[in-house]
PDB file of N, CA and C in Angstrom:
ATOM      1  N   MET A   1      28.325  -9.483 -17.899  1.00  0.00           N
ATOM      2  CA  MET A   1      27.949  -8.340 -17.090  1.00  0.00           C
ATOM      3  C   MET A   1      26.618  -7.787 -17.588  1.00  0.00           C
ATOM      4  N   PHE A   2      25.728  -7.491 -16.654  1.00  0.00           N
ATOM      5  CA  PHE A   2      24.415  -6.973 -16.993  1.00  0.00           C
ATOM      6  C   PHE A   2      24.389  -5.452 -16.919  1.00  0.00           C
ATOM      7  N   LYS A   3      23.466  -4.876 -17.664  1.00  0.00           N
ATOM      8  CA  LYS A   3      23.280  -3.428 -17.651  1.00  0.00           C
ATOM      9  C   LYS A   3      22.199  -3.019 -16.644  1.00  0.00           C
ATOM     10  N   TYR A   4      21.173  -3.846 -16.467  1.00  0.00           N
ATOM     11  CA  TYR A   4      20.027  -3.506 -15.627  1.00  0.00           C
ATOM     12  C   TYR A   4      19.934  -4.347 -14.352  1.00  0.00           C
ATOM     13  N   VAL A   5      20.420  -5.579 -14.394  1.00  0.00           N
ATOM     14  CA  VAL A   5      20.313  -6.497 -13.269  1.00  0.00           C
ATOM     15  C   VAL A   5      21.634  -6.523 -12.509  1.00  0.00           C
ATOM     16  N   PHE A   6      21.562  -6.551 -11.185  1.00  0.00           N
ATOM     17  CA  PHE A   6      22.771  -6.626 -10.375  1.00  0.00           C
ATOM     18  C   PHE A   6      22.531  -7.503  -9.151  1.00  0.00           C
ATOM     19  N   GLY A   7      23.614  -7.953  -8.570  1.00  0.00           N
ATOM     20  CA  GLY A   7      23.521  -8.753  -7.352  1.00  0.00           C
ATOM     21  C   GLY A   7      23.606 -10.236  -7.629  1.00  0.00           C
ATOM     22  N   PRO A   8      23.170 -11.018  -6.700  1.00  0.00           N
ATOM     23  CA  PRO A   8      22.395 -10.643  -5.522  1.00  0.00           C
ATOM     24  C   PRO A   8      23.249  -9.929  -4.478  1.00  0.00           C
ATOM     25  N   VAL A   9      22.574  -9.046  -3.752  1.00  0.00           N
ATOM     26  CA  VAL A   9      23.222  -8.303  -2.682  1.00  0.00           C
ATOM     27  C   VAL A   9      22.581  -8.705  -1.356  1.00  0.00           C
ATOM     28  N   PRO A  10      23.353  -8.705  -0.283  1.00  0.00           N
ATOM     29  CA  PRO A  10      22.785  -9.065   1.024  1.00  0.00           C
ATOM     30  C   PRO A  10      21.861  -7.972   1.546  1.00  0.00           C
ATOM     31  N   SER A  11      20.756  -8.403   2.112  1.00  0.00           N
ATOM     32  CA  SER A  11      19.786  -7.479   2.704  1.00  0.00           C
ATOM     33  C   SER A  11      19.376  -8.036   4.055  1.00  0.00           C
ATOM     34  N   ARG A  12      19.411  -7.214   5.082  1.00  0.00           N
ATOM     35  CA  ARG A  12      18.983  -7.680   6.411  1.00  0.00           C
ATOM     36  C   ARG A  12      17.509  -8.074   6.402  1.00  0.00           C
ATOM     37  N   ARG A  13      16.733  -7.394   5.612  1.00  0.00           N
ATOM     38  CA  ARG A  13      15.286  -7.634   5.574  1.00  0.00           C
ATOM     39  C   ARG A  13      14.900  -8.746   4.614  1.00  0.00           C
ATOM     40  N   LEU A  14      15.585  -8.836   3.464  1.00  0.00           N
ATOM     41  CA  LEU A  14      15.163  -9.759   2.414  1.00  0.00           C
ATOM     42  C   LEU A  14      16.077 -10.960   2.191  1.00  0.00           C
ATOM     43  N   GLY A  15      17.203 -11.014   2.825  1.00  0.00           N
ATOM     44  CA  GLY A  15      18.152 -12.097   2.544  1.00  0.00           C
ATOM     45  C   GLY A  15      19.035 -11.701   1.371  1.00  0.00           C
ATOM     46  N   ARG A  16      19.017 -12.496   0.307  1.00  0.00           N
ATOM     47  CA  ARG A  16      19.800 -12.189  -0.895  1.00  0.00           C
ATOM     48  C   ARG A  16      18.850 -11.630  -1.953  1.00  0.00           C
ATOM     49  N   SER A  17      19.067 -10.380  -2.306  1.00  0.00           N
ATOM     50  CA  SER A  17      18.162  -9.676  -3.215  1.00  0.00           C
ATOM     51  C   SER A  17      18.830  -9.449  -4.571  1.00  0.00           C
ATOM     52  N   LEU A  18      18.148  -9.888  -5.614  1.00  0.00           N
ATOM     53  CA  LEU A  18      18.595  -9.635  -6.982  1.00  0.00           C
ATOM     54  C   LEU A  18      17.906  -8.353  -7.436  1.00  0.00           C
ATOM     55  N   GLY A  19      18.683  -7.333  -7.748  1.00  0.00           N
ATOM     56  CA  GLY A  19      18.129  -6.028  -8.082  1.00  0.00           C
ATOM     57  C   GLY A  19      17.958  -5.824  -9.575  1.00  0.00           C
ATOM     58  N   VAL A  20      16.919  -5.095  -9.938  1.00  0.00           N
ATOM     59  CA  VAL A  20      16.661  -4.721 -11.325  1.00  0.00           C
ATOM     60  C   VAL A  20      16.483  -3.207 -11.346  1.00  0.00           C
ATOM     61  N   ASN A  21      17.422  -2.514 -11.997  1.00  0.00           N
ATOM     62  CA  ASN A  21      17.411  -1.059 -12.049  1.00  0.00           C
ATOM     63  C   ASN A  21      16.655  -0.601 -13.288  1.00  0.00           C
ATOM     64  N   VAL A  22      15.537   0.076 -13.088  1.00  0.00           N
ATOM     65  CA  VAL A  22      14.660   0.422 -14.209  1.00  0.00           C
ATOM     66  C   VAL A  22      14.568   1.922 -14.495  1.00  0.00           C
ATOM     67  N   VAL A  23      15.318   2.739 -13.761  1.00  0.00           N
ATOM     68  CA  VAL A  23      15.254   4.194 -13.938  1.00  0.00           C
ATOM     69  C   VAL A  23      16.675   4.762 -13.972  1.00  0.00           C
ATOM     70  N   PRO A  24      16.954   5.680 -14.888  1.00  0.00           N
ATOM     71  CA  PRO A  24      18.280   6.312 -14.922  1.00  0.00           C
ATOM     72  C   PRO A  24      18.576   7.118 -13.663  1.00  0.00           C
ATOM     73  N   LEU A  25      19.813   7.448 -13.482  1.00  0.00           N
ATOM     74  CA  LEU A  25      20.279   8.155 -12.289  1.00  0.00           C
ATOM     75  C   LEU A  25      19.575   9.489 -12.089  1.00  0.00           C
ATOM     76  N   LYS A  26      19.027   9.635 -10.888  1.00  0.00           N
ATOM     77  CA  LYS A  26      18.445  10.876 -10.385  1.00  0.00           C
ATOM     78  C   LYS A  26      17.177  11.345 -11.080  1.00  0.00           C
ATOM     79  N   TYR A  27      16.411  10.429 -11.667  1.00  0.00           N
ATOM     80  CA  TYR A  27      15.073  10.739 -12.168  1.00  0.00           C
ATOM     81  C   TYR A  27      14.106  10.349 -11.061  1.00  0.00           C
ATOM     82  N   CYS A  28      13.427  11.321 -10.507  1.00  0.00           N
ATOM     83  CA  CYS A  28      12.549  11.038  -9.381  1.00  0.00           C
ATOM     84  C   CYS A  28      11.442  12.077  -9.314  1.00  0.00           C
ATOM     85  N   ASN A  29      10.377  11.730  -8.577  1.00  0.00           N
ATOM     86  CA  ASN A  29       9.296  12.688  -8.372  1.00  0.00           C
ATOM     87  C   ASN A  29       9.309  13.228  -6.943  1.00  0.00           C
ATOM     88  N   PHE A  30      10.398  12.961  -6.232  1.00  0.00           N
ATOM     89  CA  PHE A  30      10.619  13.501  -4.898  1.00  0.00           C
ATOM     90  C   PHE A  30      12.028  14.086  -4.851  1.00  0.00           C
ATOM     91  N   ASN A  31      12.325  14.786  -3.787  1.00  0.00           N
ATOM     92  CA  ASN A  31      13.675  15.274  -3.547  1.00  0.00           C
ATOM     93  C   ASN A  31      13.955  15.095  -2.054  1.00  0.00           C
ATOM     94  N   CYS A  32      14.011  13.832  -1.640  1.00  0.00           N
ATOM     95  CA  CYS A  32      14.125  13.495  -0.218  1.00  0.00           C
ATOM     96  C   CYS A  32      15.514  13.825   0.320  1.00  0.00           C
ATOM     97  N   ILE A  33      15.561  14.460   1.466  1.00  0.00           N
ATOM     98  CA  ILE A  33      16.844  14.847   2.056  1.00  0.00           C
ATOM     99  C   ILE A  33      17.651  13.637   2.513  1.00  0.00           C
ATOM    100  N   TYR A  34      16.999  12.508   2.739  1.00  0.00           N
ATOM    101  CA  TYR A  34      17.685  11.307   3.215  1.00  0.00           C
ATOM    102  C   TYR A  34      18.045  10.333   2.092  1.00  0.00           C
ATOM    103  N   CYS A  35      17.811  10.685   0.845  1.00  0.00           N
ATOM    104  CA  CYS A  35      18.056   9.780  -0.278  1.00  0.00           C
ATOM    105  C   CYS A  35      19.545   9.442  -0.388  1.00  0.00           C
ATOM    106  N   GLN A  36      19.837   8.150  -0.510  1.00  0.00           N
ATOM    107  CA  GLN A  36      21.229   7.716  -0.626  1.00  0.00           C
ATOM    108  C   GLN A  36      21.867   8.148  -1.935  1.00  0.00           C
ATOM    109  N   LEU A  37      21.062   8.558  -2.918  1.00  0.00           N
ATOM    110  CA  LEU A  37      21.579   9.000  -4.209  1.00  0.00           C
ATOM    111  C   LEU A  37      21.858  10.497  -4.270  1.00  0.00           C
ATOM    112  N   GLY A  38      21.489  11.211  -3.231  1.00  0.00           N
ATOM    113  CA  GLY A  38      21.688  12.656  -3.221  1.00  0.00           C
ATOM    114  C   GLY A  38      20.482  13.390  -3.786  1.00  0.00           C
ATOM    115  N   ARG A  39      20.682  14.638  -4.113  1.00  0.00           N
ATOM    116  CA  ARG A  39      19.589  15.485  -4.606  1.00  0.00           C
ATOM    117  C   ARG A  39      19.079  14.998  -5.965  1.00  0.00           C
ATOM    118  N   THR A  40      17.787  15.168  -6.184  1.00  0.00           N
ATOM    119  CA  THR A  40      17.167  14.819  -7.457  1.00  0.00           C
ATOM    120  C   THR A  40      17.618  15.800  -8.526  1.00  0.00           C
ATOM    121  N   LYS A  41      18.116  15.258  -9.634  1.00  0.00           N
ATOM    122  CA  LYS A  41      18.575  16.112 -10.724  1.00  0.00           C
ATOM    123  C   LYS A  41      17.452  16.364 -11.734  1.00  0.00           C
ATOM    124  N   TYR A  42      16.634  15.340 -11.985  1.00  0.00           N
ATOM    125  CA  TYR A  42      15.533  15.444 -12.953  1.00  0.00           C
ATOM    126  C   TYR A  42      14.223  15.179 -12.218  1.00  0.00           C
ATOM    127  N   LEU A  43      13.566  16.229 -11.800  1.00  0.00           N
ATOM    128  CA  LEU A  43      12.306  16.116 -11.086  1.00  0.00           C
ATOM    129  C   LEU A  43      11.188  15.909 -12.107  1.00  0.00           C
ATOM    130  N   VAL A  44      10.614  14.710 -12.130  1.00  0.00           N
ATOM    131  CA  VAL A  44       9.571  14.367 -13.092  1.00  0.00           C
ATOM    132  C   VAL A  44       8.390  13.746 -12.360  1.00  0.00           C
ATOM    133  N   ASN A  45       7.203  13.934 -12.916  1.00  0.00           N
ATOM    134  CA  ASN A  45       5.999  13.357 -12.329  1.00  0.00           C
ATOM    135  C   ASN A  45       5.294  12.382 -13.254  1.00  0.00           C
ATOM    136  N   ASP A  46       5.718  12.319 -14.502  1.00  0.00           N
ATOM    137  CA  ASP A  46       5.066  11.436 -15.466  1.00  0.00           C
ATOM    138  C   ASP A  46       5.897  10.190 -15.707  1.00  0.00           C
ATOM    139  N   GLN A  47       5.202   9.062 -15.869  1.00  0.00           N
ATOM    140  CA  GLN A  47       5.904   7.828 -16.198  1.00  0.00           C
ATOM    141  C   GLN A  47       6.517   7.938 -17.585  1.00  0.00           C
ATOM    142  N   SER A  48       7.630   7.222 -17.774  1.00  0.00           N
ATOM    143  CA  SER A  48       8.327   7.246 -19.049  1.00  0.00           C
ATOM    144  C   SER A  48       8.915   5.866 -19.324  1.00  0.00           C
ATOM    145  N   MET A  49       9.121   5.566 -20.593  1.00  0.00           N
ATOM    146  CA  MET A  49       9.734   4.308 -20.994  1.00  0.00           C
ATOM    147  C   MET A  49      11.235   4.569 -21.127  1.00  0.00           C
ATOM    148  N   PHE A  50      11.924   4.629 -19.981  1.00  0.00           N
ATOM    149  CA  PHE A  50      13.345   4.959 -19.963  1.00  0.00           C
ATOM    150  C   PHE A  50      14.177   3.963 -20.762  1.00  0.00           C
ATOM    151  N   TYR A  51      13.829   2.695 -20.641  1.00  0.00           N
ATOM    152  CA  TYR A  51      14.548   1.620 -21.332  1.00  0.00           C
ATOM    153  C   TYR A  51      13.527   0.718 -22.009  1.00  0.00           C
ATOM    154  N   GLU A  52      13.967  -0.001 -23.019  1.00  0.00           N
ATOM    155  CA  GLU A  52      13.088  -0.964 -23.685  1.00  0.00           C
ATOM    156  C   GLU A  52      12.824  -2.129 -22.733  1.00  0.00           C
ATOM    157  N   PRO A  53      11.570  -2.454 -22.455  1.00  0.00           N
ATOM    158  CA  PRO A  53      11.258  -3.548 -21.532  1.00  0.00           C
ATOM    159  C   PRO A  53      11.882  -4.878 -21.965  1.00  0.00           C
ATOM    160  N   GLU A  54      11.959  -5.103 -23.272  1.00  0.00           N
ATOM    161  CA  GLU A  54      12.511  -6.363 -23.770  1.00  0.00           C
ATOM    162  C   GLU A  54      13.976  -6.538 -23.365  1.00  0.00           C
ATOM    163  N   GLU A  55      14.733  -5.435 -23.311  1.00  0.00           N
ATOM    164  CA  GLU A  55      16.134  -5.511 -22.896  1.00  0.00           C
ATOM    165  C   GLU A  55      16.234  -5.920 -21.424  1.00  0.00           C
ATOM    166  N   ILE A  56      15.404  -5.321 -20.590  1.00  0.00           N
ATOM    167  CA  ILE A  56      15.401  -5.638 -19.164  1.00  0.00           C
ATOM    168  C   ILE A  56      14.943  -7.076 -18.956  1.00  0.00           C
ATOM    169  N   ILE A  57      13.876  -7.459 -19.629  1.00  0.00           N
ATOM    170  CA  ILE A  57      13.335  -8.809 -19.488  1.00  0.00           C
ATOM    171  C   ILE A  57      14.360  -9.849 -19.925  1.00  0.00           C
ATOM    172  N   ARG A  58      15.079  -9.584 -20.996  1.00  0.00           N
ATOM    173  CA  ARG A  58      16.100 -10.519 -21.478  1.00  0.00           C
ATOM    174  C   ARG A  58      17.155 -10.759 -20.395  1.00  0.00           C
ATOM    175  N   GLU A  59      17.630  -9.702 -19.769  1.00  0.00           N
ATOM    176  CA  GLU A  59      18.609  -9.843 -18.692  1.00  0.00           C
ATOM    177  C   GLU A  59      18.023 -10.571 -17.491  1.00  0.00           C
ATOM    178  N   MET A  60      16.778 -10.234 -17.143  1.00  0.00           N
ATOM    179  CA  MET A  60      16.142 -10.872 -15.991  1.00  0.00           C
ATOM    180  C   MET A  60      15.984 -12.367 -16.214  1.00  0.00           C
ATOM    181  N   GLU A  61      15.592 -12.762 -17.412  1.00  0.00           N
ATOM    182  CA  GLU A  61      15.398 -14.187 -17.694  1.00  0.00           C
ATOM    183  C   GLU A  61      16.691 -14.974 -17.526  1.00  0.00           C
ATOM    184  N   ILE A  62      17.812 -14.375 -17.888  1.00  0.00           N
ATOM    185  CA  ILE A  62      19.108 -15.028 -17.701  1.00  0.00           C
ATOM    186  C   ILE A  62      19.460 -15.073 -16.217  1.00  0.00           C
ATOM    187  N   ALA A  63      19.302 -13.955 -15.531  1.00  0.00           N
ATOM    188  CA  ALA A  63      19.712 -13.836 -14.131  1.00  0.00           C
ATOM    189  C   ALA A  63      18.886 -14.718 -13.196  1.00  0.00           C
ATOM    190  N   VAL A  64      17.581 -14.833 -13.425  1.00  0.00           N
ATOM    191  CA  VAL A  64      16.739 -15.594 -12.499  1.00  0.00           C
ATOM    192  C   VAL A  64      16.984 -17.098 -12.599  1.00  0.00           C
ATOM    193  N   LYS A  65      17.610 -17.548 -13.662  1.00  0.00           N
ATOM    194  CA  LYS A  65      17.906 -18.981 -13.801  1.00  0.00           C
ATOM    195  C   LYS A  65      18.874 -19.467 -12.731  1.00  0.00           C
ATOM    196  N   SER A  66      19.697 -18.579 -12.186  1.00  0.00           N
ATOM    197  CA  SER A  66      20.673 -18.977 -11.164  1.00  0.00           C
ATOM    198  C   SER A  66      19.985 -19.392  -9.865  1.00  0.00           C
ATOM    199  N   ARG A  67      18.836 -18.832  -9.593  1.00  0.00           N
ATOM    200  CA  ARG A  67      18.094 -19.091  -8.353  1.00  0.00           C
ATOM    201  C   ARG A  67      18.955 -18.881  -7.111  1.00  0.00           C
ATOM    202  N   ASP A  68      19.967 -18.032  -7.232  1.00  0.00           N
ATOM    203  CA  ASP A  68      20.868 -17.735  -6.135  1.00  0.00           C
ATOM    204  C   ASP A  68      20.424 -16.453  -5.422  1.00  0.00           C
ATOM    205  N   TYR A  69      19.124 -16.317  -5.202  1.00  0.00           N
ATOM    206  CA  TYR A  69      18.589 -15.126  -4.553  1.00  0.00           C
ATOM    207  C   TYR A  69      17.290 -15.489  -3.860  1.00  0.00           C
ATOM    208  N   ASP A  70      16.884 -14.662  -2.919  1.00  0.00           N
ATOM    209  CA  ASP A  70      15.634 -14.882  -2.192  1.00  0.00           C
ATOM    210  C   ASP A  70      14.506 -14.014  -2.743  1.00  0.00           C
ATOM    211  N   TYR A  71      14.866 -12.808  -3.189  1.00  0.00           N
ATOM    212  CA  TYR A  71      13.875 -11.863  -3.708  1.00  0.00           C
ATOM    213  C   TYR A  71      14.399 -11.160  -4.943  1.00  0.00           C
ATOM    214  N   LEU A  72      13.491 -10.802  -5.817  1.00  0.00           N
ATOM    215  CA  LEU A  72      13.779  -9.977  -6.986  1.00  0.00           C
ATOM    216  C   LEU A  72      13.228  -8.591  -6.658  1.00  0.00           C
ATOM    217  N   THR A  73      14.086  -7.582  -6.691  1.00  0.00           N
ATOM    218  CA  THR A  73      13.701  -6.247  -6.247  1.00  0.00           C
ATOM    219  C   THR A  73      13.843  -5.237  -7.378  1.00  0.00           C
ATOM    220  N   PHE A  74      12.744  -4.569  -7.718  1.00  0.00           N
ATOM    221  CA  PHE A  74      12.797  -3.502  -8.715  1.00  0.00           C
ATOM    222  C   PHE A  74      13.180  -2.219  -8.012  1.00  0.00           C
ATOM    223  N   ILE A  75      14.280  -1.648  -8.437  1.00  0.00           N
ATOM    224  CA  ILE A  75      14.765  -0.413  -7.836  1.00  0.00           C
ATOM    225  C   ILE A  75      15.067   0.552  -8.976  1.00  0.00           C
ATOM    226  N   GLY A  76      15.555   1.666  -8.641  1.00  0.00           N
ATOM    227  CA  GLY A  76      15.984   2.601  -9.666  1.00  0.00           C
ATOM    228  C   GLY A  76      17.040   3.509  -9.098  1.00  0.00           C
ATOM    229  N   ASP A  77      17.780   4.126  -9.970  1.00  0.00           N
ATOM    230  CA  ASP A  77      18.680   5.180  -9.527  1.00  0.00           C
ATOM    231  C   ASP A  77      17.853   6.449  -9.403  1.00  0.00           C
ATOM    232  N   GLY A  78      16.593   6.240  -9.112  1.00  0.00           N
ATOM    233  CA  GLY A  78      15.559   7.242  -8.940  1.00  0.00           C
ATOM    234  C   GLY A  78      14.318   6.485  -8.488  1.00  0.00           C
ATOM    235  N   GLU A  79      13.135   6.967  -8.777  1.00  0.00           N
ATOM    236  CA  GLU A  79      11.888   6.322  -8.359  1.00  0.00           C
ATOM    237  C   GLU A  79      11.472   5.267  -9.375  1.00  0.00           C
ATOM    238  N   PRO A  80      11.491   3.961  -9.016  1.00  0.00           N
ATOM    239  CA  PRO A  80      11.199   2.898  -9.977  1.00  0.00           C
ATOM    240  C   PRO A  80       9.778   2.910 -10.540  1.00  0.00           C
ATOM    241  N   THR A  81       8.812   3.455  -9.800  1.00  0.00           N
ATOM    242  CA  THR A  81       7.447   3.454 -10.330  1.00  0.00           C
ATOM    243  C   THR A  81       7.250   4.484 -11.448  1.00  0.00           C
ATOM    244  N   LEU A  82       8.275   5.274 -11.748  1.00  0.00           N
ATOM    245  CA  LEU A  82       8.201   6.183 -12.897  1.00  0.00           C
ATOM    246  C   LEU A  82       8.445   5.452 -14.210  1.00  0.00           C
ATOM    247  N   TYR A  83       8.904   4.193 -14.132  1.00  0.00           N
ATOM    248  CA  TYR A  83       9.165   3.411 -15.330  1.00  0.00           C
ATOM    249  C   TYR A  83       7.857   2.864 -15.882  1.00  0.00           C
ATOM    250  N   ALA A  84       7.466   3.292 -17.065  1.00  0.00           N
ATOM    251  CA  ALA A  84       6.200   2.903 -17.672  1.00  0.00           C
ATOM    252  C   ALA A  84       6.149   1.422 -18.030  1.00  0.00           C
ATOM    253  N   GLY A  85       7.283   0.751 -18.162  1.00  0.00           N
ATOM    254  CA  GLY A  85       7.314  -0.672 -18.505  1.00  0.00           C
ATOM    255  C   GLY A  85       7.373  -1.588 -17.309  1.00  0.00           C
ATOM    256  N   LEU A  86       7.168  -1.063 -16.110  1.00  0.00           N
ATOM    257  CA  LEU A  86       7.306  -1.859 -14.892  1.00  0.00           C
ATOM    258  C   LEU A  86       6.335  -3.039 -14.867  1.00  0.00           C
ATOM    259  N   GLY A  87       5.114  -2.839 -15.275  1.00  0.00           N
ATOM    260  CA  GLY A  87       4.123  -3.923 -15.270  1.00  0.00           C
ATOM    261  C   GLY A  87       4.523  -5.083 -16.167  1.00  0.00           C
ATOM    262  N   LYS A  88       5.102  -4.778 -17.303  1.00  0.00           N
ATOM    263  CA  LYS A  88       5.530  -5.801 -18.235  1.00  0.00           C
ATOM    264  C   LYS A  88       6.739  -6.575 -17.678  1.00  0.00           C
ATOM    265  N   ALA A  89       7.698  -5.874 -17.122  1.00  0.00           N
ATOM    266  CA  ALA A  89       8.890  -6.502 -16.554  1.00  0.00           C
ATOM    267  C   ALA A  89       8.572  -7.315 -15.314  1.00  0.00           C
ATOM    268  N   ASN A  90       7.522  -6.971 -14.610  1.00  0.00           N
ATOM    269  CA  ASN A  90       7.134  -7.639 -13.364  1.00  0.00           C
ATOM    270  C   ASN A  90       6.631  -9.063 -13.591  1.00  0.00           C
ATOM    271  N   LYS A  91       6.381  -9.477 -14.801  1.00  0.00           N
ATOM    272  CA  LYS A  91       5.850 -10.803 -15.082  1.00  0.00           C
ATOM    273  C   LYS A  91       6.941 -11.863 -15.207  1.00  0.00           C
ATOM    274  N   VAL A  92       8.207 -11.480 -15.113  1.00  0.00           N
ATOM    275  CA  VAL A  92       9.320 -12.412 -15.204  1.00  0.00           C
ATOM    276  C   VAL A  92       9.667 -12.920 -13.813  1.00  0.00           C
ATOM    277  N   GLY A  93      10.136 -14.147 -13.734  1.00  0.00           N
ATOM    278  CA  GLY A  93      10.609 -14.681 -12.457  1.00  0.00           C
ATOM    279  C   GLY A  93       9.629 -15.622 -11.911  1.00  0.00           C
TER     280      GLY A  93
END
């Protein structure tokens, strides 16, 4: 069982999407009324290293070997671009 990687999940737009969660629950720089996660609990505007990139990369390297997905999708339980390690994790796959 992975801590950061999940799926693949079916997507009408992407086919089978392997998700990578890079932000803790409800950390966001918006408070969108239509958000599937509900109201933003931690309103932040600065990027942060929420998790160690090496931990995420280690899981991704294992998960992508299955090749049982069409797309690798970086998401978050908040806004994924707030993750300061996103550029480093994006080089896997």
